[in-house]
PDB file of all heavy atoms in Angstrom:
ATOM      1  N   VAL A   1      50.393 174.364  19.043  1.00  0.00           N
ATOM      2  CA  VAL A   1      50.533 174.184  20.420  1.00  0.00           C
ATOM      3  C   VAL A   1      51.885 173.768  20.664  1.00  0.00           C
ATOM      4  O   VAL A   1      52.526 172.962  20.120  1.00  0.00           O
ATOM      5  CB  VAL A   1      49.544 173.121  20.919  1.00  0.00           C
ATOM      6  CG1 VAL A   1      49.661 172.972  22.463  1.00  0.00           C
ATOM      7  CG2 VAL A   1      48.051 173.602  20.562  1.00  0.00           C
ATOM      8  N   SER A   2      52.618 174.403  21.804  1.00  0.00           N
ATOM      9  CA  SER A   2      53.963 174.005  22.070  1.00  0.00           C
ATOM     10  C   SER A   2      53.964 173.482  23.544  1.00  0.00           C
ATOM     11  O   SER A   2      53.316 173.997  24.372  1.00  0.00           O
ATOM     12  CB  SER A   2      54.696 175.347  22.045  1.00  0.00           C
ATOM     13  OG  SER A   2      56.068 175.011  22.567  1.00  0.00           O
ATOM     14  N   PHE A   3      54.649 172.298  23.737  1.00  0.00           N
ATOM     15  CA  PHE A   3      54.774 171.621  24.958  1.00  0.00           C
ATOM     16  C   PHE A   3      56.124 171.662  25.390  1.00  0.00           C
ATOM     17  O   PHE A   3      57.014 171.475  24.522  1.00  0.00           O
ATOM     18  CB  PHE A   3      54.208 170.313  24.973  1.00  0.00           C
ATOM     19  CG  PHE A   3      52.602 170.244  24.682  1.00  0.00           C
ATOM     20  CD1 PHE A   3      52.021 169.932  23.470  1.00  0.00           C
ATOM     21  CD2 PHE A   3      51.764 170.593  25.750  1.00  0.00           C
ATOM     22  CE1 PHE A   3      50.779 169.947  23.192  1.00  0.00           C
ATOM     23  CE2 PHE A   3      50.371 170.668  25.467  1.00  0.00           C
ATOM     24  CZ  PHE A   3      49.818 170.295  24.325  1.00  0.00           C
ATOM     25  N   ASN A   4      56.376 171.812  26.697  1.00  0.00           N
ATOM     26  CA  ASN A   4      57.910 171.808  27.146  1.00  0.00           C
ATOM     27  C   ASN A   4      58.264 170.300  27.317  1.00  0.00           C
ATOM     28  O   ASN A   4      59.358 169.952  27.150  1.00  0.00           O
ATOM     29  CB  ASN A   4      57.862 172.458  28.519  1.00  0.00           C
ATOM     30  CG  ASN A   4      57.465 173.871  28.332  1.00  0.00           C
ATOM     31  OD1 ASN A   4      57.763 174.482  27.278  1.00  0.00           O
ATOM     32  ND2 ASN A   4      56.972 174.445  29.408  1.00  0.00           N
ATOM     33  N   ASN A   5      57.351 169.467  27.790  1.00  0.00           N
ATOM     34  CA  ASN A   5      57.690 167.930  28.041  1.00  0.00           C
ATOM     35  C   ASN A   5      56.548 167.113  27.544  1.00  0.00           C
ATOM     36  O   ASN A   5      55.420 167.484  27.400  1.00  0.00           O
ATOM     37  CB  ASN A   5      57.723 167.791  29.505  1.00  0.00           C
ATOM     38  CG  ASN A   5      58.824 168.670  30.333  1.00  0.00           C
ATOM     39  OD1 ASN A   5      60.044 168.385  29.973  1.00  0.00           O
ATOM     40  ND2 ASN A   5      58.363 169.540  31.099  1.00  0.00           N
ATOM     41  N   PHE A   6      56.906 165.961  27.204  1.00  0.00           N
ATOM     42  CA  PHE A   6      55.973 164.941  26.560  1.00  0.00           C
ATOM     43  C   PHE A   6      56.405 163.549  27.067  1.00  0.00           C
ATOM     44  O   PHE A   6      57.616 163.209  27.057  1.00  0.00           O
ATOM     45  CB  PHE A   6      55.867 165.069  25.254  1.00  0.00           C
ATOM     46  CG  PHE A   6      54.895 164.051  24.670  1.00  0.00           C
ATOM     47  CD1 PHE A   6      53.537 164.299  24.629  1.00  0.00           C
ATOM     48  CD2 PHE A   6      55.289 162.731  24.139  1.00  0.00           C
ATOM     49  CE1 PHE A   6      52.628 163.412  24.032  1.00  0.00           C
ATOM     50  CE2 PHE A   6      54.458 161.887  23.641  1.00  0.00           C
ATOM     51  CZ  PHE A   6      53.050 162.108  23.650  1.00  0.00           C
ATOM     52  N   ALA A   7      55.332 162.806  27.384  1.00  0.00           N
ATOM     53  CA  ALA A   7      55.682 161.365  27.782  1.00  0.00           C
ATOM     54  C   ALA A   7      54.396 160.653  27.444  1.00  0.00           C
ATOM     55  O   ALA A   7      53.258 161.131  27.679  1.00  0.00           O
ATOM     56  CB  ALA A   7      56.129 161.222  29.187  1.00  0.00           C
ATOM     57  N   ALA A   8      54.405 159.269  27.251  1.00  0.00           N
ATOM     58  CA  ALA A   8      53.281 158.477  26.931  1.00  0.00           C
ATOM     59  C   ALA A   8      53.541 157.061  27.261  1.00  0.00           C
ATOM     60  O   ALA A   8      54.739 156.511  27.298  1.00  0.00           O
ATOM     61  CB  ALA A   8      52.952 158.417  25.424  1.00  0.00           C
ATOM     62  N   ALA A   9      52.493 156.377  27.658  1.00  0.00           N
ATOM     63  CA  ALA A   9      52.502 154.959  28.083  1.00  0.00           C
ATOM     64  C   ALA A   9      51.232 154.242  27.778  1.00  0.00           C
ATOM     65  O   ALA A   9      50.206 154.844  27.735  1.00  0.00           O
ATOM     66  CB  ALA A   9      52.794 154.860  29.703  1.00  0.00           C
ATOM     67  N   LYS A  10      51.385 152.928  27.516  1.00  0.00           N
ATOM     68  CA  LYS A  10      50.255 152.015  27.304  1.00  0.00           C
ATOM     69  C   LYS A  10      49.492 151.845  28.724  1.00  0.00           C
ATOM     70  O   LYS A  10      50.243 151.702  29.689  1.00  0.00           O
ATOM     71  CB  LYS A  10      50.632 150.828  26.743  1.00  0.00           C
ATOM     72  CG  LYS A  10      49.480 149.757  26.388  1.00  0.00           C
ATOM     73  CD  LYS A  10      49.899 148.544  26.007  1.00  0.00           C
ATOM     74  CE  LYS A  10      50.815 148.454  24.828  1.00  0.00           C
ATOM     75  NZ  LYS A  10      51.097 146.977  24.461  1.00  0.00           N
ATOM     76  N   ILE A  11      48.281 151.893  28.658  1.00  0.00           N
ATOM     77  CA  ILE A  11      47.484 151.559  29.914  1.00  0.00           C
ATOM     78  C   ILE A  11      47.070 150.166  29.854  1.00  0.00           C
ATOM     79  O   ILE A  11      46.358 149.611  29.006  1.00  0.00           O
ATOM     80  CB  ILE A  11      46.033 152.414  29.922  1.00  0.00           C
ATOM     81  CG1 ILE A  11      46.433 153.979  29.804  1.00  0.00           C
ATOM     82  CG2 ILE A  11      45.337 152.120  31.176  1.00  0.00           C
ATOM     83  CD1 ILE A  11      45.280 154.868  29.568  1.00  0.00           C
ATOM     84  N   HIS A  12      47.507 149.418  30.964  1.00  0.00           N
ATOM     85  CA  HIS A  12      47.283 148.083  31.050  1.00  0.00           C
ATOM     86  C   HIS A  12      45.999 147.781  31.915  1.00  0.00           C
ATOM     87  O   HIS A  12      45.858 148.451  32.904  1.00  0.00           O
ATOM     88  CB  HIS A  12      48.328 147.225  31.651  1.00  0.00           C
ATOM     89  CG  HIS A  12      49.635 147.281  30.780  1.00  0.00           C
ATOM     90  ND1 HIS A  12      49.803 146.416  29.685  1.00  0.00           N
ATOM     91  CD2 HIS A  12      50.688 148.078  30.874  1.00  0.00           C
ATOM     92  CE1 HIS A  12      51.037 146.642  29.170  1.00  0.00           C
ATOM     93  NE2 HIS A  12      51.464 147.623  29.813  1.00  0.00           N
ATOM     94  N   ALA A  13      45.082 146.967  31.484  1.00  0.00           N
ATOM     95  CA  ALA A  13      43.819 146.848  32.087  1.00  0.00           C
ATOM     96  C   ALA A  13      43.758 145.936  33.262  1.00  0.00           C
ATOM     97  O   ALA A  13      43.328 144.767  33.203  1.00  0.00           O
ATOM     98  CB  ALA A  13      42.762 146.258  31.005  1.00  0.00           C
ATOM     99  N   SER A  14      44.322 146.392  34.312  1.00  0.00           N
ATOM    100  CA  SER A  14      44.315 145.682  35.563  1.00  0.00           C
ATOM    101  C   SER A  14      44.499 146.617  36.797  1.00  0.00           C
ATOM    102  O   SER A  14      44.996 147.685  36.567  1.00  0.00           O
ATOM    103  CB  SER A  14      45.454 144.581  35.542  1.00  0.00           C
ATOM    104  OG  SER A  14      46.732 145.207  35.526  1.00  0.00           O
ATOM    105  N   SER A  15      44.392 146.218  37.902  1.00  0.00           N
ATOM    106  CA  SER A  15      44.663 147.139  39.061  1.00  0.00           C
ATOM    107  C   SER A  15      46.014 147.387  39.157  1.00  0.00           C
ATOM    108  O   SER A  15      46.461 148.552  39.453  1.00  0.00           O
ATOM    109  CB  SER A  15      44.004 146.500  40.330  1.00  0.00           C
ATOM    110  OG  SER A  15      44.588 145.348  40.691  1.00  0.00           O
ATOM    111  N   GLU A  16      46.969 146.473  38.803  1.00  0.00           N
ATOM    112  CA  GLU A  16      48.374 146.647  38.832  1.00  0.00           C
ATOM    113  C   GLU A  16      48.762 147.556  37.661  1.00  0.00           C
ATOM    114  O   GLU A  16      49.584 148.560  37.834  1.00  0.00           O
ATOM    115  CB  GLU A  16      49.125 145.387  38.697  1.00  0.00           C
ATOM    116  CG  GLU A  16      50.659 145.473  38.642  1.00  0.00           C
ATOM    117  CD  GLU A  16      51.310 144.155  38.379  1.00  0.00           C
ATOM    118  OE1 GLU A  16      51.109 143.239  39.190  1.00  0.00           O
ATOM    119  OE2 GLU A  16      51.997 144.013  37.318  1.00  0.00           O
ATOM    120  N   GLY A  17      48.139 147.409  36.509  1.00  0.00           N
ATOM    121  CA  GLY A  17      48.450 148.313  35.327  1.00  0.00           C
ATOM    122  C   GLY A  17      48.015 149.768  35.706  1.00  0.00           C
ATOM    123  O   GLY A  17      48.800 150.665  35.361  1.00  0.00           O
ATOM    124  N   LEU A  18      46.932 149.974  36.288  1.00  0.00           N
ATOM    125  CA  LEU A  18      46.483 151.253  36.736  1.00  0.00           C
ATOM    126  C   LEU A  18      47.434 151.938  37.707  1.00  0.00           C
ATOM    127  O   LEU A  18      47.748 153.054  37.669  1.00  0.00           O
ATOM    128  CB  LEU A  18      45.090 151.305  37.102  1.00  0.00           C
ATOM    129  CG  LEU A  18      44.095 150.983  36.058  1.00  0.00           C
ATOM    130  CD1 LEU A  18      42.609 150.918  36.548  1.00  0.00           C
ATOM    131  CD2 LEU A  18      44.177 151.927  34.879  1.00  0.00           C
ATOM    132  N   ALA A  19      47.972 151.002  38.734  1.00  0.00           N
ATOM    133  CA  ALA A  19      48.830 151.598  39.691  1.00  0.00           C
ATOM    134  C   ALA A  19      50.280 152.036  38.963  1.00  0.00           C
ATOM    135  O   ALA A  19      50.743 152.984  39.367  1.00  0.00           O
ATOM    136  CB  ALA A  19      49.180 150.463  40.764  1.00  0.00           C
ATOM    137  N   ARG A  20      50.584 151.270  37.959  1.00  0.00           N
ATOM    138  CA  ARG A  20      51.786 151.550  37.167  1.00  0.00           C
ATOM    139  C   ARG A  20      51.502 152.849  36.497  1.00  0.00           C
ATOM    140  O   ARG A  20      52.657 153.571  36.325  1.00  0.00           O
ATOM    141  CB  ARG A  20      52.218 150.256  36.270  1.00  0.00           C
ATOM    142  CG  ARG A  20      52.922 149.189  36.916  1.00  0.00           C
ATOM    143  CD  ARG A  20      53.575 148.333  35.850  1.00  0.00           C
ATOM    144  NE  ARG A  20      52.528 147.966  34.894  1.00  0.00           N
ATOM    145  CZ  ARG A  20      52.357 146.744  34.548  1.00  0.00           C
ATOM    146  NH1 ARG A  20      52.852 145.656  35.171  1.00  0.00           N
ATOM    147  NH2 ARG A  20      51.412 146.400  33.583  1.00  0.00           N
ATOM    148  N   THR A  21      50.438 153.121  35.973  1.00  0.00           N
ATOM    149  CA  THR A  21      50.150 154.339  35.206  1.00  0.00           C
ATOM    150  C   THR A  21      50.232 155.386  36.170  1.00  0.00           C
ATOM    151  O   THR A  21      50.847 156.496  35.812  1.00  0.00           O
ATOM    152  CB  THR A  21      48.843 154.314  34.571  1.00  0.00           C
ATOM    153  OG1 THR A  21      48.778 153.128  33.615  1.00  0.00           O
ATOM    154  CG2 THR A  21      48.450 155.513  33.872  1.00  0.00           C
ATOM    155  N   ARG A  22      49.871 155.352  37.407  1.00  0.00           N
ATOM    156  CA  ARG A  22      49.958 156.393  38.425  1.00  0.00           C
ATOM    157  C   ARG A  22      51.409 156.598  38.794  1.00  0.00           C
ATOM    158  O   ARG A  22      51.846 157.789  38.866  1.00  0.00           O
ATOM    159  CB  ARG A  22      49.118 156.094  39.645  1.00  0.00           C
ATOM    160  CG  ARG A  22      47.569 156.226  39.327  1.00  0.00           C
ATOM    161  CD  ARG A  22      46.778 156.218  40.629  1.00  0.00           C
ATOM    162  NE  ARG A  22      46.927 154.928  41.335  1.00  0.00           N
ATOM    163  CZ  ARG A  22      46.234 153.814  41.136  1.00  0.00           C
ATOM    164  NH1 ARG A  22      45.307 153.784  40.288  1.00  0.00           N
ATOM    165  NH2 ARG A  22      46.524 152.795  41.881  1.00  0.00           N
ATOM    166  N   ALA A  23      52.033 155.510  38.897  1.00  0.00           N
ATOM    167  CA  ALA A  23      53.659 155.666  39.198  1.00  0.00           C
ATOM    168  C   ALA A  23      54.295 156.332  38.150  1.00  0.00           C
ATOM    169  O   ALA A  23      55.196 157.088  38.274  1.00  0.00           O
ATOM    170  CB  ALA A  23      54.065 154.316  39.485  1.00  0.00           C
ATOM    171  N   PHE A  24      53.993 156.002  36.714  1.00  0.00           N
ATOM    172  CA  PHE A  24      54.532 156.674  35.642  1.00  0.00           C
ATOM    173  C   PHE A  24      54.351 158.093  35.712  1.00  0.00           C
ATOM    174  O   PHE A  24      55.262 158.831  35.487  1.00  0.00           O
ATOM    175  CB  PHE A  24      54.029 155.947  34.349  1.00  0.00           C
ATOM    176  CG  PHE A  24      54.149 156.754  33.196  1.00  0.00           C
ATOM    177  CD1 PHE A  24      55.492 156.682  32.494  1.00  0.00           C
ATOM    178  CD2 PHE A  24      53.232 157.605  32.517  1.00  0.00           C
ATOM    179  CE1 PHE A  24      55.649 157.451  31.252  1.00  0.00           C
ATOM    180  CE2 PHE A  24      53.521 158.250  31.429  1.00  0.00           C
ATOM    181  CZ  PHE A  24      54.625 158.197  30.765  1.00  0.00           C
ATOM    182  N   THR A  25      53.093 158.531  36.026  1.00  0.00           N
ATOM    183  CA  THR A  25      52.692 159.931  36.102  1.00  0.00           C
ATOM    184  C   THR A  25      53.619 160.659  37.166  1.00  0.00           C
ATOM    185  O   THR A  25      54.167 161.666  37.012  1.00  0.00           O
ATOM    186  CB  THR A  25      51.257 160.148  36.356  1.00  0.00           C
ATOM    187  OG1 THR A  25      50.389 159.430  35.315  1.00  0.00           O
ATOM    188  CG2 THR A  25      50.825 161.502  36.624  1.00  0.00           C
ATOM    189  N   ARG A  26      53.636 159.976  38.327  1.00  0.00           N
ATOM    190  CA  ARG A  26      54.362 160.562  39.530  1.00  0.00           C
ATOM    191  C   ARG A  26      55.831 160.686  39.035  1.00  0.00           C
ATOM    192  O   ARG A  26      56.528 161.769  39.367  1.00  0.00           O
ATOM    193  CB  ARG A  26      54.348 159.645  40.691  1.00  0.00           C
ATOM    194  CG  ARG A  26      54.837 160.226  41.995  1.00  0.00           C
ATOM    195  CD  ARG A  26      54.686 159.340  43.122  1.00  0.00           C
ATOM    196  NE  ARG A  26      53.144 159.169  43.440  1.00  0.00           N
ATOM    197  CZ  ARG A  26      52.413 158.115  43.292  1.00  0.00           C
ATOM    198  NH1 ARG A  26      52.914 157.087  42.810  1.00  0.00           N
ATOM    199  NH2 ARG A  26      51.235 158.245  43.660  1.00  0.00           N
ATOM    200  N   SER A  27      56.413 159.738  38.329  1.00  0.00           N
ATOM    201  CA  SER A  27      57.865 159.857  38.000  1.00  0.00           C
ATOM    202  C   SER A  27      58.009 160.908  36.953  1.00  0.00           C
ATOM    203  O   SER A  27      58.973 161.730  37.018  1.00  0.00           O
ATOM    204  CB  SER A  27      58.275 158.459  37.291  1.00  0.00           C
ATOM    205  OG  SER A  27      59.458 158.564  36.721  1.00  0.00           O
ATOM    206  N   CYS A  28      57.184 161.113  35.968  1.00  0.00           N
ATOM    207  CA  CYS A  28      57.232 162.230  35.039  1.00  0.00           C
ATOM    208  C   CYS A  28      57.193 163.536  35.687  1.00  0.00           C
ATOM    209  O   CYS A  28      57.986 164.456  35.438  1.00  0.00           O
ATOM    210  CB  CYS A  28      56.106 162.186  33.950  1.00  0.00           C
ATOM    211  SG  CYS A  28      56.197 160.741  32.752  1.00  0.00           S
ATOM    212  N   LEU A  29      56.142 163.734  36.688  1.00  0.00           N
ATOM    213  CA  LEU A  29      56.034 164.929  37.282  1.00  0.00           C
ATOM    214  C   LEU A  29      57.400 165.371  38.197  1.00  0.00           C
ATOM    215  O   LEU A  29      57.803 166.402  38.268  1.00  0.00           O
ATOM    216  CB  LEU A  29      54.798 164.950  38.234  1.00  0.00           C
ATOM    217  CG  LEU A  29      53.497 164.889  37.451  1.00  0.00           C
ATOM    218  CD1 LEU A  29      52.248 164.665  38.370  1.00  0.00           C
ATOM    219  CD2 LEU A  29      53.252 166.068  36.559  1.00  0.00           C
ATOM    220  N   ARG A  30      57.917 164.278  38.772  1.00  0.00           N
ATOM    221  CA  ARG A  30      59.193 164.505  39.509  1.00  0.00           C
ATOM    222  C   ARG A  30      60.199 164.916  38.631  1.00  0.00           C
ATOM    223  O   ARG A  30      60.987 165.813  38.930  1.00  0.00           O
ATOM    224  CB  ARG A  30      59.488 163.112  40.232  1.00  0.00           C
ATOM    225  CG  ARG A  30      60.656 163.255  41.220  1.00  0.00           C
ATOM    226  CD  ARG A  30      60.973 162.018  42.022  1.00  0.00           C
ATOM    227  NE  ARG A  30      59.924 161.340  42.530  1.00  0.00           N
ATOM    228  CZ  ARG A  30      59.367 160.237  42.137  1.00  0.00           C
ATOM    229  NH1 ARG A  30      60.048 159.506  41.188  1.00  0.00           N
ATOM    230  NH2 ARG A  30      58.333 159.595  42.665  1.00  0.00           N
ATOM    231  N   GLN A  31      60.410 164.221  37.396  1.00  0.00           N
ATOM    232  CA  GLN A  31      61.461 164.634  36.550  1.00  0.00           C
ATOM    233  C   GLN A  31      61.317 166.079  35.865  1.00  0.00           C
ATOM    234  O   GLN A  31      62.241 166.830  35.708  1.00  0.00           O
ATOM    235  CB  GLN A  31      61.308 163.712  35.198  1.00  0.00           C
ATOM    236  CG  GLN A  31      62.506 162.751  35.069  1.00  0.00           C
ATOM    237  CD  GLN A  31      62.281 161.943  33.799  1.00  0.00           C
ATOM    238  OE1 GLN A  31      61.164 161.654  33.378  1.00  0.00           O
ATOM    239  NE2 GLN A  31      63.399 161.672  33.213  1.00  0.00           N
ATOM    240  N   TRP A  32      59.950 166.536  35.774  1.00  0.00           N
ATOM    241  CA  TRP A  32      59.713 167.812  35.255  1.00  0.00           C
ATOM    242  C   TRP A  32      59.610 168.872  36.482  1.00  0.00           C
ATOM    243  O   TRP A  32      59.175 170.028  36.137  1.00  0.00           O
ATOM    244  CB  TRP A  32      58.288 167.785  34.524  1.00  0.00           C
ATOM    245  CG  TRP A  32      58.394 166.853  33.385  1.00  0.00           C
ATOM    246  CD1 TRP A  32      59.497 166.368  32.622  1.00  0.00           C
ATOM    247  CD2 TRP A  32      57.232 166.249  32.852  1.00  0.00           C
ATOM    248  NE1 TRP A  32      59.153 165.518  31.600  1.00  0.00           N
ATOM    249  CE2 TRP A  32      57.630 165.364  31.675  1.00  0.00           C
ATOM    250  CE3 TRP A  32      55.936 166.297  33.056  1.00  0.00           C
ATOM    251  CZ2 TRP A  32      56.919 164.671  30.875  1.00  0.00           C
ATOM    252  CZ3 TRP A  32      55.063 165.443  32.178  1.00  0.00           C
ATOM    253  CH2 TRP A  32      55.559 164.750  31.204  1.00  0.00           C
ATOM    254  N   ASN A  33      59.914 168.451  37.723  1.00  0.00           N
ATOM    255  CA  ASN A  33      59.957 169.353  38.857  1.00  0.00           C
ATOM    256  C   ASN A  33      58.525 169.866  39.063  1.00  0.00           C
ATOM    257  O   ASN A  33      58.253 171.225  39.270  1.00  0.00           O
ATOM    258  CB  ASN A  33      60.916 170.557  38.655  1.00  0.00           C
ATOM    259  CG  ASN A  33      62.275 170.038  38.694  1.00  0.00           C
ATOM    260  OD1 ASN A  33      62.821 169.145  39.459  1.00  0.00           O
ATOM    261  ND2 ASN A  33      63.211 170.414  37.693  1.00  0.00           N
ATOM    262  N   LEU A  34      57.554 169.112  38.849  1.00  0.00           N
ATOM    263  CA  LEU A  34      56.102 169.681  39.066  1.00  0.00           C
ATOM    264  C   LEU A  34      55.459 168.695  40.227  1.00  0.00           C
ATOM    265  O   LEU A  34      54.211 168.438  40.238  1.00  0.00           O
ATOM    266  CB  LEU A  34      55.360 169.410  37.894  1.00  0.00           C
ATOM    267  CG  LEU A  34      55.789 170.391  36.707  1.00  0.00           C
ATOM    268  CD1 LEU A  34      55.101 169.913  35.401  1.00  0.00           C
ATOM    269  CD2 LEU A  34      55.529 171.694  37.085  1.00  0.00           C
ATOM    270  N   GLU A  35      56.242 168.349  41.279  1.00  0.00           N
ATOM    271  CA  GLU A  35      55.674 167.730  42.354  1.00  0.00           C
ATOM    272  C   GLU A  35      54.516 168.394  43.101  1.00  0.00           C
ATOM    273  O   GLU A  35      53.587 167.725  43.648  1.00  0.00           O
ATOM    274  CB  GLU A  35      56.797 167.333  43.428  1.00  0.00           C
ATOM    275  CG  GLU A  35      57.743 166.322  42.934  1.00  0.00           C
ATOM    276  CD  GLU A  35      58.973 166.986  42.431  1.00  0.00           C
ATOM    277  OE1 GLU A  35      58.892 168.106  42.001  1.00  0.00           O
ATOM    278  OE2 GLU A  35      60.028 166.313  42.475  1.00  0.00           O
ATOM    279  N   ALA A  36      54.552 169.710  42.984  1.00  0.00           N
ATOM    280  CA  ALA A  36      53.495 170.556  43.756  1.00  0.00           C
ATOM    281  C   ALA A  36      52.113 170.253  43.087  1.00  0.00           C
ATOM    282  O   ALA A  36      51.135 170.438  43.880  1.00  0.00           O
ATOM    283  CB  ALA A  36      53.889 172.006  43.444  1.00  0.00           C
ATOM    284  N   VAL A  37      52.013 169.784  41.982  1.00  0.00           N
ATOM    285  CA  VAL A  37      50.590 169.450  41.335  1.00  0.00           C
ATOM    286  C   VAL A  37      50.417 168.008  41.304  1.00  0.00           C
ATOM    287  O   VAL A  37      49.455 167.602  40.652  1.00  0.00           O
ATOM    288  CB  VAL A  37      50.390 170.230  40.089  1.00  0.00           C
ATOM    289  CG1 VAL A  37      50.425 171.702  40.185  1.00  0.00           C
ATOM    290  CG2 VAL A  37      51.490 169.843  38.972  1.00  0.00           C
ATOM    291  N   SER A  38      51.212 167.123  41.790  1.00  0.00           N
ATOM    292  CA  SER A  38      51.107 165.713  41.597  1.00  0.00           C
ATOM    293  C   SER A  38      49.819 165.147  42.050  1.00  0.00           C
ATOM    294  O   SER A  38      49.317 164.273  41.478  1.00  0.00           O
ATOM    295  CB  SER A  38      52.329 165.030  42.189  1.00  0.00           C
ATOM    296  OG  SER A  38      52.377 165.181  43.661  1.00  0.00           O
ATOM    297  N   SER A  39      49.328 165.609  43.220  1.00  0.00           N
ATOM    298  CA  SER A  39      48.153 165.042  43.782  1.00  0.00           C
ATOM    299  C   SER A  39      47.011 165.316  42.859  1.00  0.00           C
ATOM    300  O   SER A  39      46.172 164.340  42.498  1.00  0.00           O
ATOM    301  CB  SER A  39      47.689 165.716  45.106  1.00  0.00           C
ATOM    302  OG  SER A  39      48.610 165.275  46.067  1.00  0.00           O
ATOM    303  N   ASP A  40      46.818 166.488  42.285  1.00  0.00           N
ATOM    304  CA  ASP A  40      45.772 166.834  41.274  1.00  0.00           C
ATOM    305  C   ASP A  40      45.919 165.901  40.045  1.00  0.00           C
ATOM    306  O   ASP A  40      44.967 165.416  39.461  1.00  0.00           O
ATOM    307  CB  ASP A  40      45.648 168.298  40.992  1.00  0.00           C
ATOM    308  CG  ASP A  40      45.129 169.119  42.115  1.00  0.00           C
ATOM    309  OD1 ASP A  40      44.583 168.433  43.188  1.00  0.00           O
ATOM    310  OD2 ASP A  40      45.131 170.289  42.177  1.00  0.00           O
ATOM    311  N   VAL A  41      47.140 166.025  39.422  1.00  0.00           N
ATOM    312  CA  VAL A  41      47.317 165.443  38.199  1.00  0.00           C
ATOM    313  C   VAL A  41      47.146 163.832  38.362  1.00  0.00           C
ATOM    314  O   VAL A  41      46.508 163.120  37.464  1.00  0.00           O
ATOM    315  CB  VAL A  41      48.814 165.661  37.775  1.00  0.00           C
ATOM    316  CG1 VAL A  41      49.214 164.907  36.453  1.00  0.00           C
ATOM    317  CG2 VAL A  41      48.891 167.154  37.401  1.00  0.00           C
ATOM    318  N   ILE A  42      47.651 163.238  39.385  1.00  0.00           N
ATOM    319  CA  ILE A  42      47.470 161.862  39.608  1.00  0.00           C
ATOM    320  C   ILE A  42      45.985 161.440  39.863  1.00  0.00           C
ATOM    321  O   ILE A  42      45.473 160.517  39.293  1.00  0.00           O
ATOM    322  CB  ILE A  42      48.315 161.272  40.797  1.00  0.00           C
ATOM    323  CG1 ILE A  42      49.864 161.368  40.351  1.00  0.00           C
ATOM    324  CG2 ILE A  42      47.945 159.873  41.141  1.00  0.00           C
ATOM    325  CD1 ILE A  42      50.771 161.120  41.448  1.00  0.00           C
ATOM    326  N   ALA A  43      45.087 162.259  40.425  1.00  0.00           N
ATOM    327  CA  ALA A  43      43.844 162.071  40.582  1.00  0.00           C
ATOM    328  C   ALA A  43      43.157 162.095  39.192  1.00  0.00           C
ATOM    329  O   ALA A  43      42.239 161.178  38.821  1.00  0.00           O
ATOM    330  CB  ALA A  43      43.182 163.081  41.522  1.00  0.00           C
ATOM    331  N   VAL A  44      43.516 163.055  38.404  1.00  0.00           N
ATOM    332  CA  VAL A  44      42.822 163.271  37.135  1.00  0.00           C
ATOM    333  C   VAL A  44      43.241 162.113  36.242  1.00  0.00           C
ATOM    334  O   VAL A  44      42.462 161.487  35.493  1.00  0.00           O
ATOM    335  CB  VAL A  44      43.297 164.537  36.345  1.00  0.00           C
ATOM    336  CG1 VAL A  44      43.051 164.536  34.987  1.00  0.00           C
ATOM    337  CG2 VAL A  44      42.563 165.767  37.121  1.00  0.00           C
ATOM    338  N   VAL A  45      44.580 161.694  36.246  1.00  0.00           N
ATOM    339  CA  VAL A  45      45.092 160.624  35.469  1.00  0.00           C
ATOM    340  C   VAL A  45      44.374 159.333  35.903  1.00  0.00           C
ATOM    341  O   VAL A  45      43.980 158.428  35.076  1.00  0.00           O
ATOM    342  CB  VAL A  45      46.571 160.360  35.533  1.00  0.00           C
ATOM    343  CG1 VAL A  45      47.033 159.092  35.124  1.00  0.00           C
ATOM    344  CG2 VAL A  45      47.326 161.446  34.741  1.00  0.00           C
ATOM    345  N   GLY A  46      44.216 159.139  37.192  1.00  0.00           N
ATOM    346  CA  GLY A  46      43.517 157.924  37.716  1.00  0.00           C
ATOM    347  C   GLY A  46      41.993 157.827  37.125  1.00  0.00           C
ATOM    348  O   GLY A  46      41.648 156.733  36.599  1.00  0.00           O
TER     349      GLY A  46
END
């Protein structure tokens, strides 16, 4: 399997930690020029 981009982060067990995970996802998608799918990806990640 070949991937163009990859990023990983620890998930912290708190509402703040889950918010940081969504922000991490949003930042990755922005870096990868994939803002068009950010709503769906962030919902799935959530």
